[in-house]
Structures are given as C-alpha cells and as structure tokens.
Amino acid sequence: RMRSWIPAACADIGIAITEYNWGPDDTDSGAVAQAEALGIF
C-alpha cells in the first residue's frame, strides 16, 4: 500500500520501517516471527 502511494515520477523513493517489533525477546514464536519479518522486508 505504501509503495502504491509513491508517485510514479518519484518511483525511486525508498520505504523504511525504522521501528517494529514482533514479539518479546525470549518467545519462541517471536524468534520465528523476527526471521520471517526480515524475509518479508
């Protein structure tokens, strides 16, 4: 959605997600979610 909002004339504008967190440090699912989030990025 955010990429679709970038005007065609400025298509090289990047997207940064400079804060996120997908679970407390010592949750099993949080570890897997962290790996998957990086794969998605």
Full PDB file with SEQRES, HELIX, SHEET, SSBOND, CRYST1, ORIGX, SCALE, CONECT and MASTER records, all heavy atoms in Angstrom:
SEQRES   1 A   41  ARG MET ARG SER TRP ILE PRO ALA ALA CYS ALA ASP ILE          
SEQRES   2 A   41  GLY ILE ALA ILE THR GLU TYR ASN TRP GLY PRO ASP ASP          
SEQRES   3 A   41  THR ASP SER GLY ALA VAL ALA GLN ALA GLU ALA LEU GLY          
SEQRES   4 A   41  ILE PHE                                                      
HELIX    1 AA1 MET A    2  TRP A    5  1                                   4    
HELIX    2 AA2 ALA A    8  CYS A   10  5                                   3    
HELIX    3 AA3 ASP A   28  ILE A   40  1                                  13    
CRYST1    1.000    1.000    1.000  90.00  90.00  90.00 P 1           1          
ORIGX1      1.000000  0.000000  0.000000        0.00000                         
ORIGX2      0.000000  1.000000  0.000000        0.00000                         
ORIGX3      0.000000  0.000000  1.000000        0.00000                         
SCALE1      1.000000  0.000000  0.000000        0.00000                         
SCALE2      0.000000  1.000000  0.000000        0.00000                         
SCALE3      0.000000  0.000000  1.000000        0.00000                         
ATOM      1  N   ARG A   1       0.835  -1.204   0.000  1.00  0.00           N  
ATOM      2  CA  ARG A   1       0.000   0.000   0.000  1.00  0.00           C  
ATOM      3  C   ARG A   1       0.872   1.258   0.000  1.00  0.00           C  
ATOM      4  O   ARG A   1       0.626   2.200  -0.755  1.00  0.00           O  
ATOM      5  CB  ARG A   1      -0.926   0.011   1.211  1.00  0.00           C  
ATOM      6  CG  ARG A   1      -1.919   1.168   1.200  1.00  0.00           C  
ATOM      7  CD  ARG A   1      -2.614   1.302   2.543  1.00  0.00           C  
ATOM      8  NE  ARG A   1      -3.423   0.149   2.876  1.00  0.00           N  
ATOM      9  CZ  ARG A   1      -4.689  -0.028   2.501  1.00  0.00           C  
ATOM     10  NH1 ARG A   1      -5.273   0.888   1.750  1.00  0.00           N  
ATOM     11  NH2 ARG A   1      -5.352  -1.098   2.877  1.00  0.00           N  
ATOM     12  N   MET A   2       1.892   1.275   0.862  1.00  0.00           N  
ATOM     13  CA  MET A   2       2.769   2.445   0.908  1.00  0.00           C  
ATOM     14  C   MET A   2       3.507   2.623  -0.414  1.00  0.00           C  
ATOM     15  O   MET A   2       3.682   3.754  -0.890  1.00  0.00           O  
ATOM     16  CB  MET A   2       3.771   2.307   2.052  1.00  0.00           C  
ATOM     17  CG  MET A   2       3.155   2.323   3.448  1.00  0.00           C  
ATOM     18  SD  MET A   2       2.182   3.792   3.838  1.00  0.00           S  
ATOM     19  CE  MET A   2       0.513   3.124   3.723  1.00  0.00           C  
ATOM     20  N   ARG A   3       3.913   1.512  -1.017  1.00  0.00           N  
ATOM     21  CA  ARG A   3       4.594   1.635  -2.311  1.00  0.00           C  
ATOM     22  C   ARG A   3       3.658   2.201  -3.375  1.00  0.00           C  
ATOM     23  O   ARG A   3       4.079   2.996  -4.231  1.00  0.00           O  
ATOM     24  CB  ARG A   3       5.138   0.278  -2.751  1.00  0.00           C  
ATOM     25  CG  ARG A   3       5.921   0.352  -4.079  1.00  0.00           C  
ATOM     26  CD  ARG A   3       6.565  -0.955  -4.455  1.00  0.00           C  
ATOM     27  NE  ARG A   3       7.624  -1.303  -3.524  1.00  0.00           N  
ATOM     28  CZ  ARG A   3       7.536  -2.272  -2.614  1.00  0.00           C  
ATOM     29  NH1 ARG A   3       6.441  -3.013  -2.537  1.00  0.00           N  
ATOM     30  NH2 ARG A   3       8.523  -2.507  -1.793  1.00  0.00           N  
ATOM     31  N   SER A   4       2.387   1.820  -3.321  1.00  0.00           N  
ATOM     32  CA  SER A   4       1.431   2.312  -4.317  1.00  0.00           C  
ATOM     33  C   SER A   4       1.179   3.804  -4.167  1.00  0.00           C  
ATOM     34  O   SER A   4       0.698   4.453  -5.102  1.00  0.00           O  
ATOM     35  CB  SER A   4       0.113   1.542  -4.213  1.00  0.00           C  
ATOM     36  OG  SER A   4      -0.632   1.933  -3.060  1.00  0.00           O  
ATOM     37  N   TRP A   5       1.466   4.358  -2.995  1.00  0.00           N  
ATOM     38  CA  TRP A   5       1.266   5.784  -2.771  1.00  0.00           C  
ATOM     39  C   TRP A   5       2.445   6.628  -3.263  1.00  0.00           C  
ATOM     40  O   TRP A   5       2.352   7.856  -3.305  1.00  0.00           O  
ATOM     41  CB  TRP A   5       1.048   6.051  -1.288  1.00  0.00           C  
ATOM     42  CG  TRP A   5      -0.309   5.632  -0.787  1.00  0.00           C  
ATOM     43  CD1 TRP A   5      -1.342   5.130  -1.517  1.00  0.00           C  
ATOM     44  CD2 TRP A   5      -0.772   5.686   0.569  1.00  0.00           C  
ATOM     45  NE1 TRP A   5      -2.421   4.863  -0.715  1.00  0.00           N  
ATOM     46  CE2 TRP A   5      -2.109   5.190   0.578  1.00  0.00           C  
ATOM     47  CE3 TRP A   5      -0.217   6.092   1.772  1.00  0.00           C  
ATOM     48  CZ2 TRP A   5      -2.874   5.110   1.737  1.00  0.00           C  
ATOM     49  CZ3 TRP A   5      -0.973   6.001   2.932  1.00  0.00           C  
ATOM     50  CH2 TRP A   5      -2.278   5.528   2.916  1.00  0.00           C  
ATOM     51  N   ILE A   6       3.560   6.020  -3.585  1.00  0.00           N  
ATOM     52  CA  ILE A   6       4.709   6.775  -4.095  1.00  0.00           C  
ATOM     53  C   ILE A   6       4.407   7.219  -5.524  1.00  0.00           C  
ATOM     54  O   ILE A   6       4.108   6.399  -6.385  1.00  0.00           O  
ATOM     55  CB  ILE A   6       5.988   5.921  -4.059  1.00  0.00           C  
ATOM     56  CG1 ILE A   6       6.325   5.540  -2.609  1.00  0.00           C  
ATOM     57  CG2 ILE A   6       7.159   6.665  -4.697  1.00  0.00           C  
ATOM     58  CD1 ILE A   6       7.479   4.565  -2.480  1.00  0.00           C  
ATOM     59  N   PRO A   7       4.455   8.517  -5.801  1.00  0.00           N  
ATOM     60  CA  PRO A   7       4.150   8.987  -7.167  1.00  0.00           C  
ATOM     61  C   PRO A   7       5.075   8.360  -8.203  1.00  0.00           C  
ATOM     62  O   PRO A   7       6.260   8.121  -7.946  1.00  0.00           O  
ATOM     63  CB  PRO A   7       4.361  10.500  -7.070  1.00  0.00           C  
ATOM     64  CG  PRO A   7       4.190  10.824  -5.603  1.00  0.00           C  
ATOM     65  CD  PRO A   7       4.740   9.632  -4.877  1.00  0.00           C  
ATOM     66  N   ALA A   8       4.525   8.106  -9.369  1.00  0.00           N  
ATOM     67  CA  ALA A   8       5.303   7.472 -10.447  1.00  0.00           C  
ATOM     68  C   ALA A   8       6.531   8.297 -10.798  1.00  0.00           C  
ATOM     69  O   ALA A   8       7.583   7.749 -11.158  1.00  0.00           O  
ATOM     70  CB  ALA A   8       4.418   7.265 -11.665  1.00  0.00           C  
ATOM     71  N   ALA A   9       6.422   9.611 -10.681  1.00  0.00           N  
ATOM     72  CA  ALA A   9       7.543  10.475 -11.035  1.00  0.00           C  
ATOM     73  C   ALA A   9       8.682  10.378 -10.023  1.00  0.00           C  
ATOM     74  O   ALA A   9       9.789  10.843 -10.294  1.00  0.00           O  
ATOM     75  CB  ALA A   9       7.072  11.927 -11.136  1.00  0.00           C  
ATOM     76  N   CYS A  10       8.408   9.800  -8.859  1.00  0.00           N  
ATOM     77  CA  CYS A  10       9.421   9.660  -7.808  1.00  0.00           C  
ATOM     78  C   CYS A  10       9.527   8.206  -7.383  1.00  0.00           C  
ATOM     79  O   CYS A  10       9.610   7.893  -6.184  1.00  0.00           O  
ATOM     80  CB  CYS A  10       9.060  10.524  -6.606  1.00  0.00           C  
ATOM     81  SG  CYS A  10       8.900  12.272  -6.962  1.00  0.00           S  
ATOM     82  N   ALA A  11       9.504   7.313  -8.352  1.00  0.00           N  
ATOM     83  CA  ALA A  11       9.426   5.880  -8.057  1.00  0.00           C  
ATOM     84  C   ALA A  11      10.622   5.360  -7.281  1.00  0.00           C  
ATOM     85  O   ALA A  11      10.548   4.282  -6.678  1.00  0.00           O  
ATOM     86  CB  ALA A  11       9.274   5.097  -9.365  1.00  0.00           C  
ATOM     87  N   ASP A  12      11.726   6.108  -7.262  1.00  0.00           N  
ATOM     88  CA  ASP A  12      12.912   5.622  -6.566  1.00  0.00           C  
ATOM     89  C   ASP A  12      12.925   5.990  -5.085  1.00  0.00           C  
ATOM     90  O   ASP A  12      13.895   5.681  -4.376  1.00  0.00           O  
ATOM     91  CB  ASP A  12      14.175   6.150  -7.241  1.00  0.00           C  
ATOM     92  CG  ASP A  12      14.244   7.673  -7.275  1.00  0.00           C  
ATOM     93  OD1 ASP A  12      13.177   8.323  -7.156  1.00  0.00           O  
ATOM     94  OD2 ASP A  12      15.346   8.215  -7.420  1.00  0.00           O  
ATOM     95  N   ILE A  13      11.879   6.618  -4.581  1.00  0.00           N  
ATOM     96  CA  ILE A  13      11.786   6.862  -3.143  1.00  0.00           C  
ATOM     97  C   ILE A  13      11.689   5.517  -2.429  1.00  0.00           C  
ATOM     98  O   ILE A  13      10.880   4.664  -2.795  1.00  0.00           O  
ATOM     99  CB  ILE A  13      10.570   7.750  -2.810  1.00  0.00           C  
ATOM    100  CG1 ILE A  13      10.829   9.186  -3.273  1.00  0.00           C  
ATOM    101  CG2 ILE A  13      10.270   7.729  -1.309  1.00  0.00           C  
ATOM    102  CD1 ILE A  13       9.662  10.124  -3.044  1.00  0.00           C  
ATOM    103  N   GLY A  14      12.504   5.327  -1.433  1.00  0.00           N  
ATOM    104  CA  GLY A  14      12.519   4.063  -0.720  1.00  0.00           C  
ATOM    105  C   GLY A  14      11.501   4.026   0.407  1.00  0.00           C  
ATOM    106  O   GLY A  14      10.876   5.036   0.759  1.00  0.00           O  
ATOM    107  N   ILE A  15      11.331   2.849   0.995  1.00  0.00           N  
ATOM    108  CA  ILE A  15      10.450   2.643   2.142  1.00  0.00           C  
ATOM    109  C   ILE A  15      11.287   2.099   3.287  1.00  0.00           C  
ATOM    110  O   ILE A  15      12.007   1.109   3.127  1.00  0.00           O  
ATOM    111  CB  ILE A  15       9.310   1.665   1.809  1.00  0.00           C  
ATOM    112  CG1 ILE A  15       8.386   2.269   0.746  1.00  0.00           C  
ATOM    113  CG2 ILE A  15       8.516   1.315   3.065  1.00  0.00           C  
ATOM    114  CD1 ILE A  15       7.308   1.315   0.277  1.00  0.00           C  
ATOM    115  N   ALA A  16      11.194   2.768   4.437  1.00  0.00           N  
ATOM    116  CA  ALA A  16      11.902   2.326   5.635  1.00  0.00           C  
ATOM    117  C   ALA A  16      10.896   2.021   6.728  1.00  0.00           C  
ATOM    118  O   ALA A  16       9.906   2.739   6.886  1.00  0.00           O  
ATOM    119  CB  ALA A  16      12.878   3.403   6.108  1.00  0.00           C  
ATOM    120  N   ILE A  17      11.137   0.967   7.467  1.00  0.00           N  
ATOM    121  CA  ILE A  17      10.349   0.661   8.664  1.00  0.00           C  
ATOM    122  C   ILE A  17      11.330   0.725   9.828  1.00  0.00           C  
ATOM    123  O   ILE A  17      11.994  -0.253  10.159  1.00  0.00           O  
ATOM    124  CB  ILE A  17       9.652  -0.700   8.550  1.00  0.00           C  
ATOM    125  CG1 ILE A  17       8.714  -0.703   7.340  1.00  0.00           C  
ATOM    126  CG2 ILE A  17       8.870  -1.014   9.825  1.00  0.00           C  
ATOM    127  CD1 ILE A  17       7.967  -1.989   7.116  1.00  0.00           C  
ATOM    128  N   THR A  18      11.425   1.915  10.419  1.00  0.00           N  
ATOM    129  CA  THR A  18      12.501   2.163  11.379  1.00  0.00           C  
ATOM    130  C   THR A  18      12.102   1.903  12.820  1.00  0.00           C  
ATOM    131  O   THR A  18      12.905   2.143  13.728  1.00  0.00           O  
ATOM    132  CB  THR A  18      13.042   3.601  11.231  1.00  0.00           C  
ATOM    133  OG1 THR A  18      11.972   4.532  11.436  1.00  0.00           O  
ATOM    134  CG2 THR A  18      13.638   3.790   9.846  1.00  0.00           C  
ATOM    135  N   GLU A  19      10.881   1.430  13.029  1.00  0.00           N  
ATOM    136  CA  GLU A  19      10.504   0.811  14.298  1.00  0.00           C  
ATOM    137  C   GLU A  19       9.504  -0.297  13.997  1.00  0.00           C  
ATOM    138  O   GLU A  19       8.535  -0.088  13.273  1.00  0.00           O  
ATOM    139  CB  GLU A  19       9.869   1.812  15.285  1.00  0.00           C  
ATOM    140  CG  GLU A  19      10.868   2.620  16.077  1.00  0.00           C  
ATOM    141  CD  GLU A  19      10.218   3.365  17.237  1.00  0.00           C  
ATOM    142  OE1 GLU A  19       9.154   2.908  17.715  1.00  0.00           O  
ATOM    143  OE2 GLU A  19      10.779   4.397  17.653  1.00  0.00           O  
ATOM    144  N   TYR A  20       9.763  -1.449  14.579  1.00  0.00           N  
ATOM    145  CA  TYR A  20       8.838  -2.581  14.535  1.00  0.00           C  
ATOM    146  C   TYR A  20       9.283  -3.532  15.626  1.00  0.00           C  
ATOM    147  O   TYR A  20      10.401  -3.456  16.135  1.00  0.00           O  
ATOM    148  CB  TYR A  20       8.861  -3.284  13.165  1.00  0.00           C  
ATOM    149  CG  TYR A  20      10.128  -4.076  12.914  1.00  0.00           C  
ATOM    150  CD1 TYR A  20      10.190  -5.442  13.206  1.00  0.00           C  
ATOM    151  CD2 TYR A  20      11.285  -3.462  12.424  1.00  0.00           C  
ATOM    152  CE1 TYR A  20      11.357  -6.169  13.007  1.00  0.00           C  
ATOM    153  CE2 TYR A  20      12.456  -4.180  12.227  1.00  0.00           C  
ATOM    154  CZ  TYR A  20      12.488  -5.525  12.515  1.00  0.00           C  
ATOM    155  OH  TYR A  20      13.640  -6.245  12.330  1.00  0.00           O  
ATOM    156  N   ASN A  21       8.412  -4.430  15.987  1.00  0.00           N  
ATOM    157  CA  ASN A  21       8.773  -5.475  16.948  1.00  0.00           C  
ATOM    158  C   ASN A  21       7.694  -6.541  16.891  1.00  0.00           C  
ATOM    159  O   ASN A  21       6.511  -6.216  17.057  1.00  0.00           O  
ATOM    160  CB  ASN A  21       8.900  -4.907  18.364  1.00  0.00           C  
ATOM    161  CG  ASN A  21       9.485  -5.910  19.339  1.00  0.00           C  
ATOM    162  OD1 ASN A  21       8.949  -6.996  19.515  1.00  0.00           O  
ATOM    163  ND2 ASN A  21      10.584  -5.540  19.985  1.00  0.00           N  
ATOM    164  N   TRP A  22       8.085  -7.776  16.661  1.00  0.00           N  
ATOM    165  CA  TRP A  22       7.116  -8.857  16.509  1.00  0.00           C  
ATOM    166  C   TRP A  22       7.193  -9.881  17.637  1.00  0.00           C  
ATOM    167  O   TRP A  22       6.997 -11.061  17.426  1.00  0.00           O  
ATOM    168  CB  TRP A  22       7.264  -9.526  15.138  1.00  0.00           C  
ATOM    169  CG  TRP A  22       6.014  -9.319  14.343  1.00  0.00           C  
ATOM    170  CD1 TRP A  22       4.919 -10.141  14.294  1.00  0.00           C  
ATOM    171  CD2 TRP A  22       5.709  -8.204  13.513  1.00  0.00           C  
ATOM    172  NE1 TRP A  22       3.944  -9.588  13.493  1.00  0.00           N  
ATOM    173  CE2 TRP A  22       4.402  -8.407  12.994  1.00  0.00           C  
ATOM    174  CE3 TRP A  22       6.387  -7.044  13.163  1.00  0.00           C  
ATOM    175  CZ2 TRP A  22       3.772  -7.492  12.142  1.00  0.00           C  
ATOM    176  CZ3 TRP A  22       5.776  -6.136  12.323  1.00  0.00           C  
ATOM    177  CH2 TRP A  22       4.490  -6.366  11.812  1.00  0.00           C  
ATOM    178  N   GLY A  23       7.443  -9.405  18.842  1.00  0.00           N  
ATOM    179  CA  GLY A  23       7.386 -10.320  19.974  1.00  0.00           C  
ATOM    180  C   GLY A  23       8.527 -10.111  20.940  1.00  0.00           C  
ATOM    181  O   GLY A  23       9.630  -9.701  20.554  1.00  0.00           O  
ATOM    182  N   PRO A  24       8.283 -10.374  22.246  1.00  0.00           N  
ATOM    183  CA  PRO A  24       9.338 -10.259  23.250  1.00  0.00           C  
ATOM    184  C   PRO A  24      10.540 -11.141  22.924  1.00  0.00           C  
ATOM    185  O   PRO A  24      10.429 -12.162  22.242  1.00  0.00           O  
ATOM    186  CB  PRO A  24       8.637 -10.731  24.534  1.00  0.00           C  
ATOM    187  CG  PRO A  24       7.178 -10.473  24.287  1.00  0.00           C  
ATOM    188  CD  PRO A  24       6.975 -10.721  22.830  1.00  0.00           C  
ATOM    189  N   ASP A  25      11.682 -10.739  23.443  1.00  0.00           N  
ATOM    190  CA  ASP A  25      12.954 -11.352  23.067  1.00  0.00           C  
ATOM    191  C   ASP A  25      12.987 -12.863  23.270  1.00  0.00           C  
ATOM    192  O   ASP A  25      13.623 -13.574  22.493  1.00  0.00           O  
ATOM    193  CB  ASP A  25      14.094 -10.727  23.875  1.00  0.00           C  
ATOM    194  CG  ASP A  25      14.417  -9.317  23.440  1.00  0.00           C  
ATOM    195  OD1 ASP A  25      13.771  -8.819  22.499  1.00  0.00           O  
ATOM    196  OD2 ASP A  25      15.307  -8.694  24.048  1.00  0.00           O  
ATOM    197  N   ASP A  26      12.353 -13.370  24.313  1.00  0.00           N  
ATOM    198  CA  ASP A  26      12.503 -14.784  24.629  1.00  0.00           C  
ATOM    199  C   ASP A  26      11.248 -15.600  24.381  1.00  0.00           C  
ATOM    200  O   ASP A  26      11.021 -16.618  25.039  1.00  0.00           O  
ATOM    201  CB  ASP A  26      12.990 -14.966  26.067  1.00  0.00           C  
ATOM    202  CG  ASP A  26      14.513 -14.885  26.150  1.00  0.00           C  
ATOM    203  OD1 ASP A  26      15.184 -15.499  25.296  1.00  0.00           O  
ATOM    204  OD2 ASP A  26      15.022 -14.204  27.042  1.00  0.00           O  
ATOM    205  N   THR A  27      10.441 -15.191  23.420  1.00  0.00           N  
ATOM    206  CA  THR A  27       9.321 -16.030  22.983  1.00  0.00           C  
ATOM    207  C   THR A  27       9.771 -16.872  21.791  1.00  0.00           C  
ATOM    208  O   THR A  27      10.491 -16.391  20.915  1.00  0.00           O  
ATOM    209  CB  THR A  27       8.104 -15.186  22.589  1.00  0.00           C  
ATOM    210  OG1 THR A  27       8.494 -14.192  21.636  1.00  0.00           O  
ATOM    211  CG2 THR A  27       7.493 -14.511  23.801  1.00  0.00           C  
ATOM    212  N   ASP A  28       9.329 -18.119  21.760  1.00  0.00           N  
ATOM    213  CA  ASP A  28       9.660 -18.999  20.637  1.00  0.00           C  
ATOM    214  C   ASP A  28       9.084 -18.450  19.336  1.00  0.00           C  
ATOM    215  O   ASP A  28       9.763 -18.406  18.307  1.00  0.00           O  
ATOM    216  CB  ASP A  28       9.112 -20.401  20.892  1.00  0.00           C  
ATOM    217  CG  ASP A  28       9.770 -21.082  22.079  1.00  0.00           C  
ATOM    218  OD1 ASP A  28      10.968 -20.829  22.325  1.00  0.00           O  
ATOM    219  OD2 ASP A  28       9.086 -21.860  22.771  1.00  0.00           O  
ATOM    220  N   SER A  29       7.816 -18.035  19.386  1.00  0.00           N  
ATOM    221  CA  SER A  29       7.187 -17.528  18.175  1.00  0.00           C  
ATOM    222  C   SER A  29       7.772 -16.184  17.772  1.00  0.00           C  
ATOM    223  O   SER A  29       7.829 -15.854  16.583  1.00  0.00           O  
ATOM    224  CB  SER A  29       5.676 -17.404  18.369  1.00  0.00           C  
ATOM    225  OG  SER A  29       5.358 -16.545  19.446  1.00  0.00           O  
ATOM    226  N   GLY A  30       8.236 -15.388  18.762  1.00  0.00           N  
ATOM    227  CA  GLY A  30       8.865 -14.119  18.430  1.00  0.00           C  
ATOM    228  C   GLY A  30      10.154 -14.301  17.653  1.00  0.00           C  
ATOM    229  O   GLY A  30      10.474 -13.498  16.770  1.00  0.00           O  
ATOM    230  N   ALA A  31      10.906 -15.350  17.951  1.00  0.00           N  
ATOM    231  CA  ALA A  31      12.136 -15.629  17.206  1.00  0.00           C  
ATOM    232  C   ALA A  31      11.830 -15.984  15.760  1.00  0.00           C  
ATOM    233  O   ALA A  31      12.478 -15.505  14.830  1.00  0.00           O  
ATOM    234  CB  ALA A  31      12.900 -16.766  17.880  1.00  0.00           C  
ATOM    235  N   VAL A  32      10.819 -16.836  15.565  1.00  0.00           N  
ATOM    236  CA  VAL A  32      10.432 -17.213  14.200  1.00  0.00           C  
ATOM    237  C   VAL A  32       9.849 -16.011  13.474  1.00  0.00           C  
ATOM    238  O   VAL A  32      10.130 -15.782  12.284  1.00  0.00           O  
ATOM    239  CB  VAL A  32       9.429 -18.379  14.236  1.00  0.00           C  
ATOM    240  CG1 VAL A  32       8.938 -18.721  12.838  1.00  0.00           C  
ATOM    241  CG2 VAL A  32      10.070 -19.607  14.879  1.00  0.00           C  
ATOM    242  N   ALA A  33       9.049 -15.209  14.190  1.00  0.00           N  
ATOM    243  CA  ALA A  33       8.468 -14.016  13.572  1.00  0.00           C  
ATOM    244  C   ALA A  33       9.548 -13.032  13.154  1.00  0.00           C  
ATOM    245  O   ALA A  33       9.430 -12.375  12.113  1.00  0.00           O  
ATOM    246  CB  ALA A  33       7.490 -13.356  14.542  1.00  0.00           C  
ATOM    247  N   GLN A  34      10.615 -12.900  13.947  1.00  0.00           N  
ATOM    248  CA  GLN A  34      11.704 -11.999  13.577  1.00  0.00           C  
ATOM    249  C   GLN A  34      12.360 -12.450  12.273  1.00  0.00           C  
ATOM    250  O   GLN A  34      12.622 -11.636  11.385  1.00  0.00           O  
ATOM    251  CB  GLN A  34      12.750 -11.938  14.690  1.00  0.00           C  
ATOM    252  CG  GLN A  34      13.940 -11.037  14.380  1.00  0.00           C  
ATOM    253  CD  GLN A  34      13.541  -9.606  14.150  1.00  0.00           C  
ATOM    254  OE1 GLN A  34      13.014  -8.950  15.044  1.00  0.00           O  
ATOM    255  NE2 GLN A  34      13.789  -9.093  12.954  1.00  0.00           N  
ATOM    256  N   ALA A  35      12.616 -13.739  12.157  1.00  0.00           N  
ATOM    257  CA  ALA A  35      13.202 -14.254  10.913  1.00  0.00           C  
ATOM    258  C   ALA A  35      12.260 -14.004   9.740  1.00  0.00           C  
ATOM    259  O   ALA A  35      12.697 -13.574   8.660  1.00  0.00           O  
ATOM    260  CB  ALA A  35      13.504 -15.747  11.055  1.00  0.00           C  
ATOM    261  N   GLU A  36      10.988 -14.265   9.952  1.00  0.00           N  
ATOM    262  CA  GLU A  36      10.034 -14.084   8.853  1.00  0.00           C  
ATOM    263  C   GLU A  36       9.883 -12.613   8.479  1.00  0.00           C  
ATOM    264  O   GLU A  36       9.760 -12.273   7.296  1.00  0.00           O  
ATOM    265  CB  GLU A  36       8.679 -14.687   9.220  1.00  0.00           C  
ATOM    266  CG  GLU A  36       7.654 -14.538   8.119  1.00  0.00           C  
ATOM    267  CD  GLU A  36       6.840 -15.800   7.883  1.00  0.00           C  
ATOM    268  OE1 GLU A  36       7.337 -16.903   8.173  1.00  0.00           O  
ATOM    269  OE2 GLU A  36       5.726 -15.672   7.381  1.00  0.00           O  
ATOM    270  N   ALA A  37       9.891 -11.712   9.467  1.00  0.00           N  
ATOM    271  CA  ALA A  37       9.794 -10.286   9.169  1.00  0.00           C  
ATOM    272  C   ALA A  37      10.941  -9.847   8.263  1.00  0.00           C  
ATOM    273  O   ALA A  37      10.737  -9.090   7.303  1.00  0.00           O  
ATOM    274  CB  ALA A  37       9.793  -9.475  10.461  1.00  0.00           C  
ATOM    275  N   LEU A  38      12.152 -10.326   8.548  1.00  0.00           N  
ATOM    276  CA  LEU A  38      13.294  -9.968   7.695  1.00  0.00           C  
ATOM    277  C   LEU A  38      13.133 -10.540   6.295  1.00  0.00           C  
ATOM    278  O   LEU A  38      13.504  -9.897   5.302  1.00  0.00           O  
ATOM    279  CB  LEU A  38      14.585 -10.450   8.344  1.00  0.00           C  
ATOM    280  CG  LEU A  38      14.947  -9.770   9.675  1.00  0.00           C  
ATOM    281  CD1 LEU A  38      16.172 -10.430  10.295  1.00  0.00           C  
ATOM    282  CD2 LEU A  38      15.165  -8.275   9.490  1.00  0.00           C  
ATOM    283  N   GLY A  39      12.580 -11.759   6.189  1.00  0.00           N  
ATOM    284  CA  GLY A  39      12.300 -12.321   4.875  1.00  0.00           C  
ATOM    285  C   GLY A  39      11.302 -11.478   4.103  1.00  0.00           C  
ATOM    286  O   GLY A  39      11.447 -11.257   2.890  1.00  0.00           O  
ATOM    287  N   ILE A  40      10.278 -10.987   4.807  1.00  0.00           N  
ATOM    288  CA  ILE A  40       9.274 -10.127   4.171  1.00  0.00           C  
ATOM    289  C   ILE A  40       9.906  -8.814   3.725  1.00  0.00           C  
ATOM    290  O   ILE A  40       9.665  -8.346   2.601  1.00  0.00           O  
ATOM    291  CB  ILE A  40       8.106  -9.882   5.142  1.00  0.00           C  
ATOM    292  CG1 ILE A  40       7.328 -11.180   5.369  1.00  0.00           C  
ATOM    293  CG2 ILE A  40       7.169  -8.799   4.603  1.00  0.00           C  
ATOM    294  CD1 ILE A  40       6.358 -11.112   6.538  1.00  0.00           C  
ATOM    295  N   PHE A  41      10.707  -8.201   4.577  1.00  0.00           N  
ATOM    296  CA  PHE A  41      11.358  -6.946   4.201  1.00  0.00           C  
ATOM    297  C   PHE A  41      12.216  -7.125   2.952  1.00  0.00           C  
ATOM    298  O   PHE A  41      12.235  -6.261   2.063  1.00  0.00           O  
ATOM    299  CB  PHE A  41      12.235  -6.427   5.346  1.00  0.00           C  
ATOM    300  CG  PHE A  41      11.483  -6.038   6.593  1.00  0.00           C  
ATOM    301  CD1 PHE A  41      12.141  -5.968   7.813  1.00  0.00           C  
ATOM    302  CD2 PHE A  41      10.137  -5.738   6.561  1.00  0.00           C  
ATOM    303  CE1 PHE A  41      11.468  -5.609   8.970  1.00  0.00           C  
ATOM    304  CE2 PHE A  41       9.437  -5.376   7.714  1.00  0.00           C  
ATOM    305  CZ  PHE A  41      10.111  -5.314   8.919  1.00  0.00           C  
TER     306      PHE A  41                                                      
MASTER        0    0    0    3    0    0    0    6  305    1    0    4          
END                                                                             
